[in-house]
Amino acid sequence: MKELVEVIAKALVDNPDEVVVTQKEDGKNVIIELHVAAADMGKVIGKQGRIAKAIRSVVKAASSKDNKRVDVEII
């Protein structure tokens, strides 16, 4: 899941070198934290949060095979 979020985020931003993705696991819960440059924050969130919501939907669909609950946090 970490790699999926990283690929999506790097495709969206102007500074792909500043994209950092960390993953924390706690049983069946997985938290993926996405750190981007301040200038790229709007591109990752999108108007009314549409892009962020789409990223979360894609990750949720991909994680359903593993029976894990995945949360994506944009920091």
PDB file of N, CA and C in Angstrom:
ATOM      1  N   MET A   1       0.815  -1.189   0.000  1.00  0.00           N
ATOM      2  CA  MET A   1       0.000   0.000   0.000  1.00  0.00           C
ATOM      3  C   MET A   1       0.863   1.261   0.000  1.00  0.00           C
ATOM      4  N   LYS A   2       1.962   1.212   0.720  1.00  0.00           N
ATOM      5  CA  LYS A   2       2.860   2.365   0.813  1.00  0.00           C
ATOM      6  C   LYS A   2       3.357   2.771  -0.572  1.00  0.00           C
ATOM      7  N   GLU A   3       3.729   1.795  -1.379  1.00  0.00           N
ATOM      8  CA  GLU A   3       4.253   2.073  -2.703  1.00  0.00           C
ATOM      9  C   GLU A   3       3.175   2.669  -3.605  1.00  0.00           C
ATOM     10  N   LEU A   4       1.949   2.196  -3.461  1.00  0.00           N
ATOM     11  CA  LEU A   4       0.835   2.702  -4.256  1.00  0.00           C
ATOM     12  C   LEU A   4       0.606   4.187  -3.976  1.00  0.00           C
ATOM     13  N   VAL A   5       0.561   4.562  -2.716  1.00  0.00           N
ATOM     14  CA  VAL A   5       0.357   5.964  -2.344  1.00  0.00           C
ATOM     15  C   VAL A   5       1.517   6.815  -2.838  1.00  0.00           C
ATOM     16  N   GLU A   6       2.730   6.284  -2.737  1.00  0.00           N
ATOM     17  CA  GLU A   6       3.912   7.027  -3.168  1.00  0.00           C
ATOM     18  C   GLU A   6       3.885   7.300  -4.677  1.00  0.00           C
ATOM     19  N   VAL A   7       3.519   6.312  -5.463  1.00  0.00           N
ATOM     20  CA  VAL A   7       3.461   6.477  -6.924  1.00  0.00           C
ATOM     21  C   VAL A   7       2.397   7.501  -7.308  1.00  0.00           C
ATOM     22  N   ILE A   8       1.240   7.421  -6.680  1.00  0.00           N
ATOM     23  CA  ILE A   8       0.154   8.362  -6.980  1.00  0.00           C
ATOM     24  C   ILE A   8       0.567   9.782  -6.608  1.00  0.00           C
ATOM     25  N   ALA A   9       1.136   9.948  -5.413  1.00  0.00           N
ATOM     26  CA  ALA A   9       1.506  11.287  -4.940  1.00  0.00           C
ATOM     27  C   ALA A   9       2.605  11.895  -5.803  1.00  0.00           C
ATOM     28  N   LYS A  10       3.589  11.107  -6.178  1.00  0.00           N
ATOM     29  CA  LYS A  10       4.692  11.636  -6.985  1.00  0.00           C
ATOM     30  C   LYS A  10       4.211  12.075  -8.364  1.00  0.00           C
ATOM     31  N   ALA A  11       3.168  11.433  -8.873  1.00  0.00           N
ATOM     32  CA  ALA A  11       2.626  11.817 -10.169  1.00  0.00           C
ATOM     33  C   ALA A  11       1.856  13.137 -10.099  1.00  0.00           C
ATOM     34  N   LEU A  12       1.376  13.499  -8.917  1.00  0.00           N
ATOM     35  CA  LEU A  12       0.552  14.693  -8.766  1.00  0.00           C
ATOM     36  C   LEU A  12       1.340  15.968  -8.477  1.00  0.00           C
ATOM     37  N   VAL A  13       2.464  15.852  -7.792  1.00  0.00           N
ATOM     38  CA  VAL A  13       3.161  17.034  -7.262  1.00  0.00           C
ATOM     39  C   VAL A  13       4.231  17.560  -8.213  1.00  0.00           C
ATOM     40  N   ASP A  14       4.682  18.802  -7.935  1.00  0.00           N
ATOM     41  CA  ASP A  14       5.766  19.414  -8.698  1.00  0.00           C
ATOM     42  C   ASP A  14       7.133  19.020  -8.157  1.00  0.00           C
ATOM     43  N   ASN A  15       7.201  18.678  -6.864  1.00  0.00           N
ATOM     44  CA  ASN A  15       8.458  18.302  -6.212  1.00  0.00           C
ATOM     45  C   ASN A  15       8.391  16.840  -5.749  1.00  0.00           C
ATOM     46  N   PRO A  16       8.539  15.880  -6.661  1.00  0.00           N
ATOM     47  CA  PRO A  16       8.406  14.473  -6.262  1.00  0.00           C
ATOM     48  C   PRO A  16       9.498  14.008  -5.310  1.00  0.00           C
ATOM     49  N   ASP A  17      10.619  14.735  -5.245  1.00  0.00           N
ATOM     50  CA  ASP A  17      11.685  14.335  -4.331  1.00  0.00           C
ATOM     51  C   ASP A  17      11.306  14.578  -2.873  1.00  0.00           C
ATOM     52  N   GLU A  18      10.337  15.452  -2.628  1.00  0.00           N
ATOM     53  CA  GLU A  18       9.940  15.785  -1.260  1.00  0.00           C
ATOM     54  C   GLU A  18       8.775  14.939  -0.758  1.00  0.00           C
ATOM     55  N   VAL A  19       8.332  13.975  -1.531  1.00  0.00           N
ATOM     56  CA  VAL A  19       7.244  13.098  -1.105  1.00  0.00           C
ATOM     57  C   VAL A  19       7.828  12.005  -0.204  1.00  0.00           C
ATOM     58  N   VAL A  20       7.264  11.912   1.005  1.00  0.00           N
ATOM     59  CA  VAL A  20       7.693  10.885   1.962  1.00  0.00           C
ATOM     60  C   VAL A  20       6.444  10.153   2.442  1.00  0.00           C
ATOM     61  N   VAL A  21       6.479   8.829   2.346  1.00  0.00           N
ATOM     62  CA  VAL A  21       5.348   8.011   2.769  1.00  0.00           C
ATOM     63  C   VAL A  21       5.832   7.056   3.853  1.00  0.00           C
ATOM     64  N   THR A  22       5.134   7.063   4.998  1.00  0.00           N
ATOM     65  CA  THR A  22       5.466   6.135   6.076  1.00  0.00           C
ATOM     66  C   THR A  22       4.245   5.274   6.362  1.00  0.00           C
ATOM     67  N   GLN A  23       4.501   4.078   6.852  1.00  0.00           N
ATOM     68  CA  GLN A  23       3.422   3.127   7.124  1.00  0.00           C
ATOM     69  C   GLN A  23       3.571   2.587   8.536  1.00  0.00           C
ATOM     70  N   LYS A  24       2.474   2.615   9.292  1.00  0.00           N
ATOM     71  CA  LYS A  24       2.446   2.076  10.650  1.00  0.00           C
ATOM     72  C   LYS A  24       1.371   0.999  10.704  1.00  0.00           C
ATOM     73  N   GLU A  25       1.729  -0.158  11.242  1.00  0.00           N
ATOM     74  CA  GLU A  25       0.767  -1.256  11.327  1.00  0.00           C
ATOM     75  C   GLU A  25       0.441  -1.564  12.774  1.00  0.00           C
ATOM     76  N   ASP A  26      -0.840  -1.828  13.028  1.00  0.00           N
ATOM     77  CA  ASP A  26      -1.297  -2.195  14.356  1.00  0.00           C
ATOM     78  C   ASP A  26      -2.367  -3.271  14.187  1.00  0.00           C
ATOM     79  N   GLY A  27      -1.937  -4.510  14.108  1.00  0.00           N
ATOM     80  CA  GLY A  27      -2.875  -5.599  13.876  1.00  0.00           C
ATOM     81  C   GLY A  27      -3.441  -5.524  12.472  1.00  0.00           C
ATOM     82  N   LYS A  28      -4.768  -5.364  12.382  1.00  0.00           N
ATOM     83  CA  LYS A  28      -5.408  -5.264  11.072  1.00  0.00           C
ATOM     84  C   LYS A  28      -5.547  -3.823  10.601  1.00  0.00           C
ATOM     85  N   ASN A  29      -5.129  -2.880  11.428  1.00  0.00           N
ATOM     86  CA  ASN A  29      -5.196  -1.469  11.059  1.00  0.00           C
ATOM     87  C   ASN A  29      -3.846  -1.005  10.535  1.00  0.00           C
ATOM     88  N   VAL A  30      -3.869  -0.295   9.434  1.00  0.00           N
ATOM     89  CA  VAL A  30      -2.655   0.255   8.834  1.00  0.00           C
ATOM     90  C   VAL A  30      -2.887   1.744   8.619  1.00  0.00           C
ATOM     91  N   ILE A  31      -1.922   2.552   9.065  1.00  0.00           N
ATOM     92  CA  ILE A  31      -1.989   3.994   8.861  1.00  0.00           C
ATOM     93  C   ILE A  31      -0.856   4.392   7.922  1.00  0.00           C
ATOM     94  N   ILE A  32      -1.207   5.014   6.816  1.00  0.00           N
ATOM     95  CA  ILE A  32      -0.218   5.485   5.856  1.00  0.00           C
ATOM     96  C   ILE A  32      -0.207   7.005   5.937  1.00  0.00           C
ATOM     97  N   GLU A  33       0.969   7.553   6.247  1.00  0.00           N
ATOM     98  CA  GLU A  33       1.122   9.002   6.350  1.00  0.00           C
ATOM     99  C   GLU A  33       1.839   9.515   5.106  1.00  0.00           C
ATOM    100  N   LEU A  34       1.259  10.518   4.485  1.00  0.00           N
ATOM    101  CA  LEU A  34       1.809  11.111   3.278  1.00  0.00           C
ATOM    102  C   LEU A  34       2.281  12.524   3.594  1.00  0.00           C
ATOM    103  N   HIS A  35       3.576  12.767   3.441  1.00  0.00           N
ATOM    104  CA  HIS A  35       4.168  14.079   3.660  1.00  0.00           C
ATOM    105  C   HIS A  35       4.577  14.649   2.298  1.00  0.00           C
ATOM    106  N   VAL A  36       4.111  15.866   1.998  1.00  0.00           N
ATOM    107  CA  VAL A  36       4.496  16.534   0.756  1.00  0.00           C
ATOM    108  C   VAL A  36       4.950  17.954   1.084  1.00  0.00           C
ATOM    109  N   ALA A  37       5.573  18.615   0.122  1.00  0.00           N
ATOM    110  CA  ALA A  37       5.991  20.001   0.301  1.00  0.00           C
ATOM    111  C   ALA A  37       4.758  20.879   0.481  1.00  0.00           C
ATOM    112  N   ALA A  38       4.931  21.963   1.212  1.00  0.00           N
ATOM    113  CA  ALA A  38       3.800  22.864   1.483  1.00  0.00           C
ATOM    114  C   ALA A  38       3.191  23.406   0.193  1.00  0.00           C
ATOM    115  N   ALA A  39       4.015  23.657  -0.805  1.00  0.00           N
ATOM    116  CA  ALA A  39       3.518  24.188  -2.076  1.00  0.00           C
ATOM    117  C   ALA A  39       2.664  23.162  -2.832  1.00  0.00           C
ATOM    118  N   ASP A  40       2.883  21.884  -2.564  1.00  0.00           N
ATOM    119  CA  ASP A  40       2.160  20.822  -3.270  1.00  0.00           C
ATOM    120  C   ASP A  40       0.944  20.301  -2.510  1.00  0.00           C
ATOM    121  N   MET A  41       0.695  20.839  -1.338  1.00  0.00           N
ATOM    122  CA  MET A  41      -0.404  20.337  -0.510  1.00  0.00           C
ATOM    123  C   MET A  41      -1.752  20.446  -1.225  1.00  0.00           C
ATOM    124  N   GLY A  42      -1.987  21.554  -1.895  1.00  0.00           N
ATOM    125  CA  GLY A  42      -3.258  21.740  -2.594  1.00  0.00           C
ATOM    126  C   GLY A  42      -3.456  20.771  -3.735  1.00  0.00           C
ATOM    127  N   LYS A  43      -2.375  20.381  -4.378  1.00  0.00           N
ATOM    128  CA  LYS A  43      -2.471  19.442  -5.499  1.00  0.00           C
ATOM    129  C   LYS A  43      -2.825  18.043  -5.015  1.00  0.00           C
ATOM    130  N   VAL A  44      -2.383  17.689  -3.820  1.00  0.00           N
ATOM    131  CA  VAL A  44      -2.668  16.358  -3.283  1.00  0.00           C
ATOM    132  C   VAL A  44      -4.073  16.303  -2.688  1.00  0.00           C
ATOM    133  N   ILE A  45      -4.513  17.417  -2.114  1.00  0.00           N
ATOM    134  CA  ILE A  45      -5.851  17.436  -1.513  1.00  0.00           C
ATOM    135  C   ILE A  45      -6.922  17.673  -2.576  1.00  0.00           C
ATOM    136  N   GLY A  46      -6.687  18.615  -3.470  1.00  0.00           N
ATOM    137  CA  GLY A  46      -7.646  18.890  -4.538  1.00  0.00           C
ATOM    138  C   GLY A  46      -8.792  19.767  -4.073  1.00  0.00           C
ATOM    139  N   LYS A  47      -9.596  20.213  -5.024  1.00  0.00           N
ATOM    140  CA  LYS A  47     -10.745  21.047  -4.692  1.00  0.00           C
ATOM    141  C   LYS A  47     -11.742  20.233  -3.888  1.00  0.00           C
ATOM    142  N   GLN A  48     -12.129  20.786  -2.748  1.00  0.00           N
ATOM    143  CA  GLN A  48     -13.074  20.152  -1.826  1.00  0.00           C
ATOM    144  C   GLN A  48     -12.631  18.751  -1.421  1.00  0.00           C
ATOM    145  N   GLY A  49     -11.323  18.481  -1.476  1.00  0.00           N
ATOM    146  CA  GLY A  49     -10.794  17.199  -1.023  1.00  0.00           C
ATOM    147  C   GLY A  49     -11.037  16.038  -1.963  1.00  0.00           C
ATOM    148  N   ARG A  50     -11.343  16.320  -3.209  1.00  0.00           N
ATOM    149  CA  ARG A  50     -11.693  15.247  -4.148  1.00  0.00           C
ATOM    150  C   ARG A  50     -10.523  14.316  -4.455  1.00  0.00           C
ATOM    151  N   ILE A  51      -9.329  14.865  -4.629  1.00  0.00           N
ATOM    152  CA  ILE A  51      -8.185  14.015  -4.956  1.00  0.00           C
ATOM    153  C   ILE A  51      -7.800  13.167  -3.753  1.00  0.00           C
ATOM    154  N   ALA A  52      -7.818  13.767  -2.557  1.00  0.00           N
ATOM    155  CA  ALA A  52      -7.515  13.014  -1.341  1.00  0.00           C
ATOM    156  C   ALA A  52      -8.521  11.874  -1.156  1.00  0.00           C
ATOM    157  N   LYS A  53      -9.770  12.164  -1.427  1.00  0.00           N
ATOM    158  CA  LYS A  53     -10.816  11.139  -1.309  1.00  0.00           C
ATOM    159  C   LYS A  53     -10.594  10.014  -2.324  1.00  0.00           C
ATOM    160  N   ALA A  54     -10.167  10.379  -3.535  1.00  0.00           N
ATOM    161  CA  ALA A  54      -9.906   9.383  -4.573  1.00  0.00           C
ATOM    162  C   ALA A  54      -8.716   8.503  -4.193  1.00  0.00           C
ATOM    163  N   ILE A  55      -7.674   9.115  -3.630  1.00  0.00           N
ATOM    164  CA  ILE A  55      -6.511   8.329  -3.180  1.00  0.00           C
ATOM    165  C   ILE A  55      -6.944   7.338  -2.111  1.00  0.00           C
ATOM    166  N   ARG A  56      -7.740   7.800  -1.163  1.00  0.00           N
ATOM    167  CA  ARG A  56      -8.221   6.911  -0.090  1.00  0.00           C
ATOM    168  C   ARG A  56      -9.079   5.775  -0.647  1.00  0.00           C
ATOM    169  N   SER A  57      -9.899   6.070  -1.650  1.00  0.00           N
ATOM    170  CA  SER A  57     -10.753   5.041  -2.252  1.00  0.00           C
ATOM    171  C   SER A  57      -9.931   3.974  -2.962  1.00  0.00           C
ATOM    172  N   VAL A  58      -8.905   4.397  -3.695  1.00  0.00           N
ATOM    173  CA  VAL A  58      -8.049   3.444  -4.411  1.00  0.00           C
ATOM    174  C   VAL A  58      -7.309   2.557  -3.418  1.00  0.00           C
ATOM    175  N   VAL A  59      -6.780   3.155  -2.352  1.00  0.00           N
ATOM    176  CA  VAL A  59      -6.043   2.382  -1.349  1.00  0.00           C
ATOM    177  C   VAL A  59      -6.984   1.421  -0.622  1.00  0.00           C
ATOM    178  N   LYS A  60      -8.192   1.878  -0.331  1.00  0.00           N
ATOM    179  CA  LYS A  60      -9.165   1.013   0.346  1.00  0.00           C
ATOM    180  C   LYS A  60      -9.526  -0.191  -0.525  1.00  0.00           C
ATOM    181  N   ALA A  61      -9.703   0.047  -1.810  1.00  0.00           N
ATOM    182  CA  ALA A  61     -10.021  -1.045  -2.729  1.00  0.00           C
ATOM    183  C   ALA A  61      -8.859  -2.030  -2.827  1.00  0.00           C
ATOM    184  N   ALA A  62      -7.644  -1.517  -2.872  1.00  0.00           N
ATOM    185  CA  ALA A  62      -6.472  -2.388  -2.975  1.00  0.00           C
ATOM    186  C   ALA A  62      -6.240  -3.167  -1.688  1.00  0.00           C
ATOM    187  N   SER A  63      -6.622  -2.587  -0.555  1.00  0.00           N
ATOM    188  CA  SER A  63      -6.373  -3.260   0.730  1.00  0.00           C
ATOM    189  C   SER A  63      -7.457  -4.263   1.079  1.00  0.00           C
ATOM    190  N   SER A  64      -8.555  -4.267   0.368  1.00  0.00           N
ATOM    191  CA  SER A  64      -9.644  -5.184   0.701  1.00  0.00           C
ATOM    192  C   SER A  64      -9.235  -6.643   0.493  1.00  0.00           C
ATOM    193  N   LYS A  65      -8.266  -6.879  -0.382  1.00  0.00           N
ATOM    194  CA  LYS A  65      -7.785  -8.247  -0.600  1.00  0.00           C
ATOM    195  C   LYS A  65      -7.053  -8.786   0.624  1.00  0.00           C
ATOM    196  N   ASP A  66      -6.395  -7.877   1.361  1.00  0.00           N
ATOM    197  CA  ASP A  66      -5.578  -8.289   2.495  1.00  0.00           C
ATOM    198  C   ASP A  66      -6.342  -8.330   3.811  1.00  0.00           C
ATOM    199  N   ASN A  67      -7.646  -8.027   3.785  1.00  0.00           N
ATOM    200  CA  ASN A  67      -8.457  -7.981   5.004  1.00  0.00           C
ATOM    201  C   ASN A  67      -7.876  -7.028   6.032  1.00  0.00           C
ATOM    202  N   LYS A  68      -7.417  -5.861   5.580  1.00  0.00           N
ATOM    203  CA  LYS A  68      -6.868  -4.860   6.482  1.00  0.00           C
ATOM    204  C   LYS A  68      -7.611  -3.552   6.276  1.00  0.00           C
ATOM    205  N   ARG A  69      -7.672  -2.767   7.344  1.00  0.00           N
ATOM    206  CA  ARG A  69      -8.286  -1.452   7.279  1.00  0.00           C
ATOM    207  C   ARG A  69      -7.164  -0.429   7.140  1.00  0.00           C
ATOM    208  N   VAL A  70      -7.189   0.326   6.061  1.00  0.00           N
ATOM    209  CA  VAL A  70      -6.097   1.256   5.772  1.00  0.00           C
ATOM    210  C   VAL A  70      -6.624   2.682   5.817  1.00  0.00           C
ATOM    211  N   ASP A  71      -5.936   3.546   6.568  1.00  0.00           N
ATOM    212  CA  ASP A  71      -6.245   4.962   6.629  1.00  0.00           C
ATOM    213  C   ASP A  71      -5.094   5.727   6.009  1.00  0.00           C
ATOM    214  N   VAL A  72      -5.399   6.710   5.165  1.00  0.00           N
ATOM    215  CA  VAL A  72      -4.374   7.551   4.566  1.00  0.00           C
ATOM    216  C   VAL A  72      -4.499   8.936   5.180  1.00  0.00           C
ATOM    217  N   GLU A  73      -3.414   9.395   5.796  1.00  0.00           N
ATOM    218  CA  GLU A  73      -3.387  10.727   6.393  1.00  0.00           C
ATOM    219  C   GLU A  73      -2.411  11.593   5.618  1.00  0.00           C
ATOM    220  N   ILE A  74      -2.876  12.773   5.220  1.00  0.00           N
ATOM    221  CA  ILE A  74      -2.019  13.713   4.486  1.00  0.00           C
ATOM    222  C   ILE A  74      -1.539  14.750   5.485  1.00  0.00           C
ATOM    223  N   ILE A  75      -0.219  14.802   5.650  1.00  0.00           N
ATOM    224  CA  ILE A  75       0.363  15.668   6.685  1.00  0.00           C
ATOM    225  C   ILE A  75       1.219  16.729   6.016  1.00  0.00           C
TER     226      ILE A  75
END
